[in-house]
C-alpha cells in the first residue's frame, strides 16, 4: 500500500477545521500522512490541529507566519514523504473513501487522477461530476480550462510526487492570489502523458458566502483578484502544449477580463491603463460570436458595464 501525502493549508478555519480533519482521519485508505500547514492563524485552529497530532501519528503540524495559501502549500511540499499527493483545504471535507477511490484508479501509464466534487451551498450539495475519460495531455488542457466539473482546482486531483520533485517549477507562485492552482496544475502536466478522469465525487467544497465577492471592494482586494488575469497570460504565453482550442479560449478570457478589470478599476479610482493595453494586445484574430460582440460593447462602456453586471446576476 503506497503512502499518500495530504497537504492541508489552514488559515483561521476553526469553524470547519475539526470536521475536515476528522474526515481525513476516517479514511478507509490508511497509509496516509497529513501535513497541516497553519499560515499564521489567529483563531483556535492551532489547538485543533495539535489535538489531532496528539492522537494520530499520521498528522503533522507546521506553523508559519502569515504568508498566503501558496506559501503554505509550498511549505507542505517541502515535507511530503508519500508516493502520491492530495490537497484538501482546511474548511472543506471529504467522504471516508476519498483517498481509496483515487488510489484505485492509479496505474503506471496514468500520471494524474481527476474526479468530480460537490459545491456545498447553504442548503444543498451541487454535484460537479465529469464523465469518465482517458485523456492525453494536449486534450486535457482544454477540459481544465472549459469544463467547470474539472477546472484547474487542486482538490479534485491526485498527483505523483516523483513528477512534482523532478522540477523546481512545480511550486506555487506566491505572487498570484487567484489562479495559482491553475498554474501549478499546468506546470505539472508538462511531465505527464495520460490523465484519467473519473465519474465520481468524494470532495465537498464549501462555498464561502463571506468571500471577497461579498465584501466591500478595496484597492488591495482588487489587486489580488486581478492576478487571475496574470495567471491566464502566463499560461497563454508559456505553455507550449496548448492546442488551438485552448489558446482561443484563453485569449477570449484575457480580453474579457481586461475590460472587466478596466471598468472595476475606474470605479475604485485606480489607474486602469494597463488593462486597456492588455485588451489591445490580445484582441486580435478572434472570431467573436454575436453574443460575445454584444458583451464586448457593454464592457467597453461604464453604463453598459453596469448593465452587464445586472445581466450576469440574473442569469
C-alpha atoms as a PDB file:
ATOM      1  CA  UNK A   1       0.000   0.000   0.000  1.00  0.00           C
ATOM      2  CA  UNK A   2       1.707   3.185  -1.241  1.00  0.00           C
ATOM      3  CA  UNK A   3       1.791   6.166   1.088  1.00  0.00           C
ATOM      4  CA  UNK A   4      -0.359   9.160   0.166  1.00  0.00           C
ATOM      5  CA  UNK A   5       0.575  12.609   1.462  1.00  0.00           C
ATOM      6  CA  UNK A   6      -2.246  15.055   2.146  1.00  0.00           C
ATOM      7  CA  UNK A   7      -1.448  18.769   2.394  1.00  0.00           C
ATOM      8  CA  UNK A   8      -3.969  20.865   4.335  1.00  0.00           C
ATOM      9  CA  UNK A   9      -3.315  24.641   4.244  1.00  0.00           C
ATOM     10  CA  UNK A  10      -5.061  26.339   7.174  1.00  0.00           C
ATOM     11  CA  UNK A  11      -5.842  29.948   7.987  1.00  0.00           C
ATOM     12  CA  UNK A  12      -8.451  30.876  10.599  1.00  0.00           C
ATOM     13  CA  UNK A  13     -10.541  27.829   9.722  1.00  0.00           C
ATOM     14  CA  UNK A  14     -11.606  26.833  13.239  1.00  0.00           C
ATOM     15  CA  UNK A  15     -15.321  26.747  12.373  1.00  0.00           C
ATOM     16  CA  UNK A  16     -14.866  23.928   9.867  1.00  0.00           C
ATOM     17  CA  UNK A  17     -11.416  22.559  10.671  1.00  0.00           C
ATOM     18  CA  UNK A  18     -12.390  19.720  13.030  1.00  0.00           C
ATOM     19  CA  UNK A  19     -14.909  18.188  10.556  1.00  0.00           C
ATOM     20  CA  UNK A  20     -12.250  18.478   7.830  1.00  0.00           C
ATOM     21  CA  UNK A  21      -9.528  16.733   9.837  1.00  0.00           C
ATOM     22  CA  UNK A  22     -11.926  14.105  11.161  1.00  0.00           C
ATOM     23  CA  UNK A  23     -12.999  13.229   7.615  1.00  0.00           C
ATOM     24  CA  UNK A  24      -9.317  12.697   6.774  1.00  0.00           C
ATOM     25  CA  UNK A  25      -8.689  10.664   9.931  1.00  0.00           C
ATOM     26  CA  UNK A  26     -11.605   8.378   8.980  1.00  0.00           C
ATOM     27  CA  UNK A  27     -10.183   7.442   5.567  1.00  0.00           C
ATOM     28  CA  UNK A  28     -10.551   3.791   4.590  1.00  0.00           C
ATOM     29  CA  UNK A  29      -7.141   4.060   2.899  1.00  0.00           C
ATOM     30  CA  UNK A  30      -4.959   4.187   5.992  1.00  0.00           C
ATOM     31  CA  UNK A  31      -1.392   4.663   4.716  1.00  0.00           C
ATOM     32  CA  UNK A  32      -1.508   8.443   4.707  1.00  0.00           C
ATOM     33  CA  UNK A  33       0.404  11.356   6.179  1.00  0.00           C
ATOM     34  CA  UNK A  34      -1.468  14.570   6.867  1.00  0.00           C
ATOM     35  CA  UNK A  35       0.636  17.726   6.662  1.00  0.00           C
ATOM     36  CA  UNK A  36      -1.279  20.576   8.296  1.00  0.00           C
ATOM     37  CA  UNK A  37       0.299  23.946   7.496  1.00  0.00           C
ATOM     38  CA  UNK A  38      -1.012  26.729   9.704  1.00  0.00           C
ATOM     39  CA  UNK A  39      -0.493  30.009   7.865  1.00  0.00           C
ATOM     40  CA  UNK A  40      -0.359  32.189  10.977  1.00  0.00           C
ATOM     41  CA  UNK A  41      -3.944  31.653  12.161  1.00  0.00           C
ATOM     42  CA  UNK A  42      -5.151  33.960  14.917  1.00  0.00           C
ATOM     43  CA  UNK A  43      -8.130  31.821  15.940  1.00  0.00           C
ATOM     44  CA  UNK A  44      -8.344  28.379  17.563  1.00  0.00           C
ATOM     45  CA  UNK A  45      -7.012  26.477  14.545  1.00  0.00           C
ATOM     46  CA  UNK A  46      -3.641  25.617  16.093  1.00  0.00           C
ATOM     47  CA  UNK A  47      -5.268  23.963  19.130  1.00  0.00           C
ATOM     48  CA  UNK A  48      -7.490  21.827  16.898  1.00  0.00           C
ATOM     49  CA  UNK A  49      -4.505  20.743  14.788  1.00  0.00           C
ATOM     50  CA  UNK A  50      -2.471  19.796  17.849  1.00  0.00           C
ATOM     51  CA  UNK A  51      -5.330  17.676  19.183  1.00  0.00           C
ATOM     52  CA  UNK A  52      -5.090  15.512  16.062  1.00  0.00           C
ATOM     53  CA  UNK A  53      -1.294  15.324  16.330  1.00  0.00           C
ATOM     54  CA  UNK A  54      -1.681  14.049  19.904  1.00  0.00           C
ATOM     55  CA  UNK A  55      -3.991  11.156  18.970  1.00  0.00           C
ATOM     56  CA  UNK A  56      -2.821  10.176  15.475  1.00  0.00           C
ATOM     57  CA  UNK A  57       0.850   9.864  14.478  1.00  0.00           C
ATOM     58  CA  UNK A  58      -0.056  10.335  10.802  1.00  0.00           C
ATOM     59  CA  UNK A  59      -0.856  14.012  11.452  1.00  0.00           C
ATOM     60  CA  UNK A  60       1.964  16.581  11.332  1.00  0.00           C
ATOM     61  CA  UNK A  61       1.602  20.238  12.320  1.00  0.00           C
ATOM     62  CA  UNK A  62       3.669  23.057  10.809  1.00  0.00           C
ATOM     63  CA  UNK A  63       3.263  26.716  11.770  1.00  0.00           C
ATOM     64  CA  UNK A  64       4.476  29.658   9.694  1.00  0.00           C
ATOM     65  CA  UNK A  65       3.985  33.409   9.727  1.00  0.00           C
ATOM     66  CA  UNK A  66       1.064  34.508   7.586  1.00  0.00           C
ATOM     67  CA  UNK A  67       2.375  34.336   4.013  1.00  0.00           C
ATOM     68  CA  UNK A  68      -0.625  33.221   1.961  1.00  0.00           C
ATOM     69  CA  UNK A  69      -2.049  29.903   0.814  1.00  0.00           C
ATOM     70  CA  UNK A  70       0.576  29.407  -1.909  1.00  0.00           C
ATOM     71  CA  UNK A  71       3.426  29.719   0.595  1.00  0.00           C
ATOM     72  CA  UNK A  72       1.593  27.319   2.924  1.00  0.00           C
ATOM     73  CA  UNK A  73       1.239  24.730   0.163  1.00  0.00           C
ATOM     74  CA  UNK A  74       4.904  25.146  -0.766  1.00  0.00           C
ATOM     75  CA  UNK A  75       5.843  24.520   2.856  1.00  0.00           C
ATOM     76  CA  UNK A  76       3.754  21.369   2.721  1.00  0.00           C
ATOM     77  CA  UNK A  77       5.513  20.234  -0.455  1.00  0.00           C
ATOM     78  CA  UNK A  78       8.861  20.540   1.331  1.00  0.00           C
ATOM     79  CA  UNK A  79       7.699  17.967   3.875  1.00  0.00           C
ATOM     80  CA  UNK A  80       5.934  15.255   1.867  1.00  0.00           C
ATOM     81  CA  UNK A  81       7.252  11.703   2.071  1.00  0.00           C
ATOM     82  CA  UNK A  82       4.496   9.846   0.226  1.00  0.00           C
ATOM     83  CA  UNK A  83       4.454   8.490  -3.312  1.00  0.00           C
ATOM     84  CA  UNK A  84       1.256  10.337  -4.184  1.00  0.00           C
ATOM     85  CA  UNK A  85      -0.200  13.680  -3.142  1.00  0.00           C
ATOM     86  CA  UNK A  86      -3.657  15.096  -2.494  1.00  0.00           C
ATOM     87  CA  UNK A  87      -4.641  18.616  -1.430  1.00  0.00           C
ATOM     88  CA  UNK A  88      -7.562  19.292   0.921  1.00  0.00           C
ATOM     89  CA  UNK A  89      -8.498  22.800   2.051  1.00  0.00           C
ATOM     90  CA  UNK A  90      -8.999  23.306   5.773  1.00  0.00           C
ATOM     91  CA  UNK A  91     -12.626  24.426   5.508  1.00  0.00           C
ATOM     92  CA  UNK A  92     -13.762  21.561   3.256  1.00  0.00           C
ATOM     93  CA  UNK A  93     -14.263  17.857   3.952  1.00  0.00           C
ATOM     94  CA  UNK A  94     -14.135  14.529   2.111  1.00  0.00           C
ATOM     95  CA  UNK A  95     -16.012  11.233   2.146  1.00  0.00           C
ATOM     96  CA  UNK A  96     -14.368   8.372   4.049  1.00  0.00           C
ATOM     97  CA  UNK A  97     -13.334   6.653   0.802  1.00  0.00           C
ATOM     98  CA  UNK A  98     -11.875   9.759  -0.856  1.00  0.00           C
ATOM     99  CA  UNK A  99      -8.248   8.586  -0.929  1.00  0.00           C
ATOM    100  CA  UNK A 100      -9.169   4.968  -1.657  1.00  0.00           C
ATOM    101  CA  UNK A 101     -11.310   5.906  -4.663  1.00  0.00           C
ATOM    102  CA  UNK A 102      -8.444   7.898  -6.167  1.00  0.00           C
ATOM    103  CA  UNK A 103      -5.816   5.256  -5.452  1.00  0.00           C
ATOM    104  CA  UNK A 104      -7.990   2.577  -7.050  1.00  0.00           C
ATOM    105  CA  UNK A 105      -7.641   4.430 -10.359  1.00  0.00           C
ATOM    106  CA  UNK A 106      -3.883   4.993 -10.443  1.00  0.00           C
ATOM    107  CA  UNK A 107      -1.716   2.905 -12.796  1.00  0.00           C
ATOM    108  CA  UNK A 108       1.818   3.132 -14.249  1.00  0.00           C
ATOM    109  CA  UNK A 109       0.587   4.679 -17.505  1.00  0.00           C
ATOM    110  CA  UNK A 110      -1.517   7.387 -15.789  1.00  0.00           C
ATOM    111  CA  UNK A 111       0.124  10.372 -14.104  1.00  0.00           C
ATOM    112  CA  UNK A 112      -2.917  12.227 -12.755  1.00  0.00           C
ATOM    113  CA  UNK A 113      -6.353  11.243 -11.484  1.00  0.00           C
ATOM    114  CA  UNK A 114      -9.182  13.786 -11.789  1.00  0.00           C
ATOM    115  CA  UNK A 115     -12.556  13.387 -10.104  1.00  0.00           C
ATOM    116  CA  UNK A 116     -15.626  15.497  -9.531  1.00  0.00           C
ATOM    117  CA  UNK A 117     -16.629  17.376  -6.398  1.00  0.00           C
ATOM    118  CA  UNK A 118     -19.631  18.842  -4.635  1.00  0.00           C
ATOM    119  CA  UNK A 119     -20.212  22.558  -4.258  1.00  0.00           C
ATOM    120  CA  UNK A 120     -21.645  22.766  -0.759  1.00  0.00           C
ATOM    121  CA  UNK A 121     -24.061  25.690  -0.725  1.00  0.00           C
ATOM    122  CA  UNK A 122     -26.231  26.783   2.199  1.00  0.00           C
ATOM    123  CA  UNK A 123     -28.981  24.195   1.816  1.00  0.00           C
ATOM    124  CA  UNK A 124     -27.687  21.659  -0.692  1.00  0.00           C
ATOM    125  CA  UNK A 125     -24.730  19.973  -2.337  1.00  0.00           C
ATOM    126  CA  UNK A 126     -24.454  20.722  -6.048  1.00  0.00           C
ATOM    127  CA  UNK A 127     -22.678  17.854  -7.867  1.00  0.00           C
ATOM    128  CA  UNK A 128     -19.937  18.724 -10.355  1.00  0.00           C
ATOM    129  CA  UNK A 129     -19.098  15.287 -11.718  1.00  0.00           C
ATOM    130  CA  UNK A 130     -17.273  14.805 -15.052  1.00  0.00           C
ATOM    131  CA  UNK A 131     -17.701  11.929 -17.477  1.00  0.00           C
ATOM    132  CA  UNK A 132     -15.267   9.009 -17.438  1.00  0.00           C
ATOM    133  CA  UNK A 133     -12.396   9.648 -19.788  1.00  0.00           C
ATOM    134  CA  UNK A 134      -8.766   8.834 -20.522  1.00  0.00           C
ATOM    135  CA  UNK A 135      -7.130  11.932 -21.937  1.00  0.00           C
ATOM    136  CA  UNK A 136      -3.822  12.885 -23.462  1.00  0.00           C
ATOM    137  CA  UNK A 137      -2.095  15.972 -22.096  1.00  0.00           C
ATOM    138  CA  UNK A 138      -2.955  18.111 -25.109  1.00  0.00           C
ATOM    139  CA  UNK A 139      -6.659  17.340 -24.827  1.00  0.00           C
ATOM    140  CA  UNK A 140      -6.845  17.765 -21.048  1.00  0.00           C
ATOM    141  CA  UNK A 141      -5.700  21.405 -21.189  1.00  0.00           C
ATOM    142  CA  UNK A 142      -8.929  22.442 -22.873  1.00  0.00           C
ATOM    143  CA  UNK A 143     -11.004  20.333 -20.490  1.00  0.00           C
ATOM    144  CA  UNK A 144      -9.418  22.013 -17.479  1.00  0.00           C
ATOM    145  CA  UNK A 145      -9.992  25.470 -18.915  1.00  0.00           C
ATOM    146  CA  UNK A 146     -13.534  24.919 -20.169  1.00  0.00           C
ATOM    147  CA  UNK A 147     -15.222  22.204 -18.090  1.00  0.00           C
ATOM    148  CA  UNK A 148     -16.416  23.546 -14.710  1.00  0.00           C
ATOM    149  CA  UNK A 149     -16.597  19.953 -13.420  1.00  0.00           C
ATOM    150  CA  UNK A 150     -12.799  19.643 -13.772  1.00  0.00           C
ATOM    151  CA  UNK A 151     -11.167  23.099 -13.817  1.00  0.00           C
ATOM    152  CA  UNK A 152      -7.700  23.935 -12.561  1.00  0.00           C
ATOM    153  CA  UNK A 153      -8.582  23.051  -8.974  1.00  0.00           C
ATOM    154  CA  UNK A 154      -6.113  21.114  -6.853  1.00  0.00           C
ATOM    155  CA  UNK A 155      -8.541  19.362  -4.565  1.00  0.00           C
ATOM    156  CA  UNK A 156     -10.123  17.037  -7.136  1.00  0.00           C
ATOM    157  CA  UNK A 157      -6.795  15.696  -8.386  1.00  0.00           C
ATOM    158  CA  UNK A 158      -4.162  13.148  -7.334  1.00  0.00           C
ATOM    159  CA  UNK A 159      -0.516  13.913  -8.141  1.00  0.00           C
ATOM    160  CA  UNK A 160       2.623  11.771  -8.413  1.00  0.00           C
ATOM    161  CA  UNK A 161       5.257  13.115  -6.000  1.00  0.00           C
ATOM    162  CA  UNK A 162       8.158  11.890  -8.162  1.00  0.00           C
ATOM    163  CA  UNK A 163       6.915  14.028 -11.044  1.00  0.00           C
ATOM    164  CA  UNK A 164       6.492  17.026  -8.747  1.00  0.00           C
ATOM    165  CA  UNK A 165      10.027  16.580  -7.430  1.00  0.00           C
ATOM    166  CA  UNK A 166      11.510  16.407 -10.930  1.00  0.00           C
ATOM    167  CA  UNK A 167      11.316  20.165 -11.488  1.00  0.00           C
ATOM    168  CA  UNK A 168      11.706  23.213  -9.215  1.00  0.00           C
ATOM    169  CA  UNK A 169       8.985  24.838 -11.343  1.00  0.00           C
ATOM    170  CA  UNK A 170       6.421  22.592  -9.680  1.00  0.00           C
ATOM    171  CA  UNK A 171       5.799  25.046  -6.870  1.00  0.00           C
ATOM    172  CA  UNK A 172       3.132  27.656  -6.242  1.00  0.00           C
ATOM    173  CA  UNK A 173       3.677  31.211  -7.460  1.00  0.00           C
ATOM    174  CA  UNK A 174       3.274  33.308  -4.303  1.00  0.00           C
ATOM    175  CA  UNK A 175       2.671  36.468  -6.349  1.00  0.00           C
ATOM    176  CA  UNK A 176      -0.580  35.045  -7.746  1.00  0.00           C
ATOM    177  CA  UNK A 177      -3.638  35.089  -5.462  1.00  0.00           C
ATOM    178  CA  UNK A 178      -6.266  33.849  -7.937  1.00  0.00           C
ATOM    179  CA  UNK A 179      -5.362  31.182 -10.470  1.00  0.00           C
ATOM    180  CA  UNK A 180      -2.250  29.931  -8.642  1.00  0.00           C
ATOM    181  CA  UNK A 181      -3.692  26.412  -8.652  1.00  0.00           C
ATOM    182  CA  UNK A 182      -4.186  26.531 -12.433  1.00  0.00           C
ATOM    183  CA  UNK A 183      -0.529  27.484 -12.946  1.00  0.00           C
ATOM    184  CA  UNK A 184       0.572  24.646 -10.660  1.00  0.00           C
ATOM    185  CA  UNK A 185      -1.573  22.054 -12.449  1.00  0.00           C
ATOM    186  CA  UNK A 186      -0.374  23.136 -15.891  1.00  0.00           C
ATOM    187  CA  UNK A 187       3.251  23.066 -14.765  1.00  0.00           C
ATOM    188  CA  UNK A 188       2.748  19.506 -13.519  1.00  0.00           C
ATOM    189  CA  UNK A 189       1.092  18.434 -16.771  1.00  0.00           C
ATOM    190  CA  UNK A 190       4.286  19.160 -18.714  1.00  0.00           C
ATOM    191  CA  UNK A 191       5.693  15.912 -17.308  1.00  0.00           C
ATOM    192  CA  UNK A 192       2.548  13.852 -17.923  1.00  0.00           C
ATOM    193  CA  UNK A 193       1.317  11.716 -20.796  1.00  0.00           C
ATOM    194  CA  UNK A 194      -2.099  10.400 -19.763  1.00  0.00           C
ATOM    195  CA  UNK A 195      -4.739  11.660 -17.331  1.00  0.00           C
ATOM    196  CA  UNK A 196      -7.686   9.616 -16.111  1.00  0.00           C
ATOM    197  CA  UNK A 197     -10.964  11.416 -15.384  1.00  0.00           C
ATOM    198  CA  UNK A 198     -13.492   9.517 -13.262  1.00  0.00           C
ATOM    199  CA  UNK A 199     -17.244   9.965 -12.854  1.00  0.00           C
ATOM    200  CA  UNK A 200     -17.077  10.046  -9.060  1.00  0.00           C
ATOM    201  CA  UNK A 201     -17.186  12.768  -6.414  1.00  0.00           C
ATOM    202  CA  UNK A 202     -15.999  12.448  -2.827  1.00  0.00           C
ATOM    203  CA  UNK A 203     -14.813  16.006  -2.137  1.00  0.00           C
ATOM    204  CA  UNK A 204     -17.124  18.620  -0.583  1.00  0.00           C
ATOM    205  CA  UNK A 205     -16.147  22.196  -1.338  1.00  0.00           C
ATOM    206  CA  UNK A 206     -17.717  24.753   0.955  1.00  0.00           C
ATOM    207  CA  UNK A 207     -18.824  27.815  -0.965  1.00  0.00           C
ATOM    208  CA  UNK A 208     -17.802  30.683   1.296  1.00  0.00           C
ATOM    209  CA  UNK A 209     -20.663  33.173   1.403  1.00  0.00           C
ATOM    210  CA  UNK A 210     -18.327  35.606   3.177  1.00  0.00           C
ATOM    211  CA  UNK A 211     -15.837  35.546   0.317  1.00  0.00           C
ATOM    212  CA  UNK A 212     -14.229  38.568  -1.324  1.00  0.00           C
ATOM    213  CA  UNK A 213     -17.122  38.881  -3.769  1.00  0.00           C
ATOM    214  CA  UNK A 214     -19.425  39.653  -0.813  1.00  0.00           C
ATOM    215  CA  UNK A 215     -17.109  42.171   0.839  1.00  0.00           C
ATOM    216  CA  UNK A 216     -16.774  45.876   0.171  1.00  0.00           C
ATOM    217  CA  UNK A 217     -14.108  46.136  -2.550  1.00  0.00           C
ATOM    218  CA  UNK A 218     -10.876  47.994  -1.916  1.00  0.00           C
ATOM    219  CA  UNK A 219      -7.618  48.560  -3.758  1.00  0.00           C
ATOM    220  CA  UNK A 220      -5.740  45.694  -2.099  1.00  0.00           C
ATOM    221  CA  UNK A 221      -8.515  43.187  -2.694  1.00  0.00           C
ATOM    222  CA  UNK A 222      -8.839  44.324  -6.303  1.00  0.00           C
ATOM    223  CA  UNK A 223      -5.082  43.965  -6.847  1.00  0.00           C
ATOM    224  CA  UNK A 224      -5.229  40.380  -5.549  1.00  0.00           C
ATOM    225  CA  UNK A 225      -8.224  39.456  -7.691  1.00  0.00           C
ATOM    226  CA  UNK A 226      -6.642  40.787 -10.880  1.00  0.00           C
ATOM    227  CA  UNK A 227      -3.745  38.333 -10.535  1.00  0.00           C
ATOM    228  CA  UNK A 228      -6.124  35.857 -12.216  1.00  0.00           C
ATOM    229  CA  UNK A 229      -5.510  37.817 -15.412  1.00  0.00           C
ATOM    230  CA  UNK A 230      -1.758  37.475 -14.845  1.00  0.00           C
ATOM    231  CA  UNK A 231      -2.197  33.717 -14.420  1.00  0.00           C
ATOM    232  CA  UNK A 232      -4.087  33.416 -17.708  1.00  0.00           C
ATOM    233  CA  UNK A 233      -1.433  35.435 -19.529  1.00  0.00           C
ATOM    234  CA  UNK A 234       1.364  33.276 -18.084  1.00  0.00           C
ATOM    235  CA  UNK A 235      -0.382  30.118 -19.268  1.00  0.00           C
ATOM    236  CA  UNK A 236      -1.082  31.588 -22.729  1.00  0.00           C
ATOM    237  CA  UNK A 237       2.485  32.779 -23.247  1.00  0.00           C
ATOM    238  CA  UNK A 238       4.417  29.876 -21.696  1.00  0.00           C
ATOM    239  CA  UNK A 239       2.516  26.623 -22.246  1.00  0.00           C
ATOM    240  CA  UNK A 240       3.831  25.089 -25.480  1.00  0.00           C
ATOM    241  CA  UNK A 241       1.391  22.150 -25.299  1.00  0.00           C
ATOM    242  CA  UNK A 242      -1.741  24.276 -25.629  1.00  0.00           C
ATOM    243  CA  UNK A 243      -3.818  23.311 -28.660  1.00  0.00           C
ATOM    244  CA  UNK A 244      -5.659  25.867 -30.809  1.00  0.00           C
ATOM    245  CA  UNK A 245      -8.909  25.484 -28.869  1.00  0.00           C
ATOM    246  CA  UNK A 246      -7.167  26.189 -25.574  1.00  0.00           C
ATOM    247  CA  UNK A 247      -5.321  29.206 -26.974  1.00  0.00           C
ATOM    248  CA  UNK A 248      -8.546  30.612 -28.401  1.00  0.00           C
ATOM    249  CA  UNK A 249     -10.403  30.145 -25.114  1.00  0.00           C
ATOM    250  CA  UNK A 250      -7.604  31.736 -23.076  1.00  0.00           C
ATOM    251  CA  UNK A 251      -7.304  34.673 -25.440  1.00  0.00           C
ATOM    252  CA  UNK A 252     -11.031  35.354 -25.127  1.00  0.00           C
ATOM    253  CA  UNK A 253     -10.807  35.194 -21.334  1.00  0.00           C
ATOM    254  CA  UNK A 254      -7.837  37.574 -21.273  1.00  0.00           C
ATOM    255  CA  UNK A 255      -9.651  40.133 -23.433  1.00  0.00           C
ATOM    256  CA  UNK A 256     -12.888  39.964 -21.432  1.00  0.00           C
ATOM    257  CA  UNK A 257     -11.150  40.088 -18.058  1.00  0.00           C
ATOM    258  CA  UNK A 258      -9.003  43.033 -19.123  1.00  0.00           C
ATOM    259  CA  UNK A 259     -12.171  45.023 -19.923  1.00  0.00           C
ATOM    260  CA  UNK A 260     -13.904  43.964 -16.701  1.00  0.00           C
ATOM    261  CA  UNK A 261     -10.886  44.979 -14.623  1.00  0.00           C
ATOM    262  CA  UNK A 262     -10.569  48.196 -16.634  1.00  0.00           C
ATOM    263  CA  UNK A 263     -14.094  49.184 -15.587  1.00  0.00           C
ATOM    264  CA  UNK A 264     -13.742  47.975 -11.983  1.00  0.00           C
ATOM    265  CA  UNK A 265     -10.502  49.938 -11.582  1.00  0.00           C
ATOM    266  CA  UNK A 266     -12.250  53.079 -12.810  1.00  0.00           C
ATOM    267  CA  UNK A 267     -14.980  52.601 -10.197  1.00  0.00           C
ATOM    268  CA  UNK A 268     -12.315  52.319  -7.479  1.00  0.00           C
ATOM    269  CA  UNK A 269     -10.364  55.308  -8.871  1.00  0.00           C
ATOM    270  CA  UNK A 270      -7.361  53.084  -9.574  1.00  0.00           C
ATOM    271  CA  UNK A 271      -5.103  53.511 -12.592  1.00  0.00           C
ATOM    272  CA  UNK A 272      -6.535  51.272 -15.304  1.00  0.00           C
ATOM    273  CA  UNK A 273      -4.296  51.978 -18.307  1.00  0.00           C
ATOM    274  CA  UNK A 274      -2.526  48.613 -18.066  1.00  0.00           C
ATOM    275  CA  UNK A 275      -5.789  46.734 -18.543  1.00  0.00           C
ATOM    276  CA  UNK A 276      -6.542  48.700 -21.679  1.00  0.00           C
ATOM    277  CA  UNK A 277      -3.070  47.889 -23.017  1.00  0.00           C
ATOM    278  CA  UNK A 278      -3.661  44.173 -22.379  1.00  0.00           C
ATOM    279  CA  UNK A 279      -7.017  44.413 -24.168  1.00  0.00           C
ATOM    280  CA  UNK A 280      -5.453  45.945 -27.288  1.00  0.00           C
ATOM    281  CA  UNK A 281      -2.552  43.472 -27.262  1.00  0.00           C
ATOM    282  CA  UNK A 282      -4.689  40.332 -27.204  1.00  0.00           C
ATOM    283  CA  UNK A 283      -7.831  41.437 -29.044  1.00  0.00           C
ATOM    284  CA  UNK A 284      -6.717  40.294 -32.480  1.00  0.00           C
ATOM    285  CA  UNK A 285      -7.500  37.332 -34.753  1.00  0.00           C
ATOM    286  CA  UNK A 286     -10.505  36.313 -32.629  1.00  0.00           C
ATOM    287  CA  UNK A 287     -13.713  35.200 -34.334  1.00  0.00           C
ATOM    288  CA  UNK A 288     -16.187  36.631 -31.838  1.00  0.00           C
ATOM    289  CA  UNK A 289     -19.719  35.278 -31.823  1.00  0.00           C
ATOM    290  CA  UNK A 290     -22.651  37.720 -31.998  1.00  0.00           C
ATOM    291  CA  UNK A 291     -23.332  37.252 -28.280  1.00  0.00           C
ATOM    292  CA  UNK A 292     -19.681  37.896 -27.431  1.00  0.00           C
ATOM    293  CA  UNK A 293     -19.681  41.054 -29.546  1.00  0.00           C
ATOM    294  CA  UNK A 294     -22.637  42.356 -27.537  1.00  0.00           C
ATOM    295  CA  UNK A 295     -20.752  41.561 -24.315  1.00  0.00           C
ATOM    296  CA  UNK A 296     -17.705  43.499 -25.518  1.00  0.00           C
ATOM    297  CA  UNK A 297     -19.841  46.525 -26.417  1.00  0.00           C
ATOM    298  CA  UNK A 298     -21.274  46.517 -22.889  1.00  0.00           C
ATOM    299  CA  UNK A 299     -17.874  46.059 -21.255  1.00  0.00           C
ATOM    300  CA  UNK A 300     -16.322  48.990 -23.088  1.00  0.00           C
ATOM    301  CA  UNK A 301     -18.831  51.482 -21.665  1.00  0.00           C
ATOM    302  CA  UNK A 302     -19.251  52.299 -17.965  1.00  0.00           C
ATOM    303  CA  UNK A 303     -23.047  52.314 -18.226  1.00  0.00           C
ATOM    304  CA  UNK A 304     -23.006  49.190 -20.337  1.00  0.00           C
ATOM    305  CA  UNK A 305     -20.779  47.592 -17.705  1.00  0.00           C
ATOM    306  CA  UNK A 306     -23.409  48.233 -15.029  1.00  0.00           C
ATOM    307  CA  UNK A 307     -25.994  46.539 -17.260  1.00  0.00           C
ATOM    308  CA  UNK A 308     -23.567  43.660 -17.888  1.00  0.00           C
ATOM    309  CA  UNK A 309     -23.243  43.026 -14.143  1.00  0.00           C
ATOM    310  CA  UNK A 310     -27.030  43.095 -13.672  1.00  0.00           C
ATOM    311  CA  UNK A 311     -27.486  40.569 -16.502  1.00  0.00           C
ATOM    312  CA  UNK A 312     -24.797  38.286 -15.026  1.00  0.00           C
ATOM    313  CA  UNK A 313     -26.546  38.280 -11.646  1.00  0.00           C
ATOM    314  CA  UNK A 314     -29.890  37.410 -13.246  1.00  0.00           C
ATOM    315  CA  UNK A 315     -28.577  34.637 -15.478  1.00  0.00           C
END
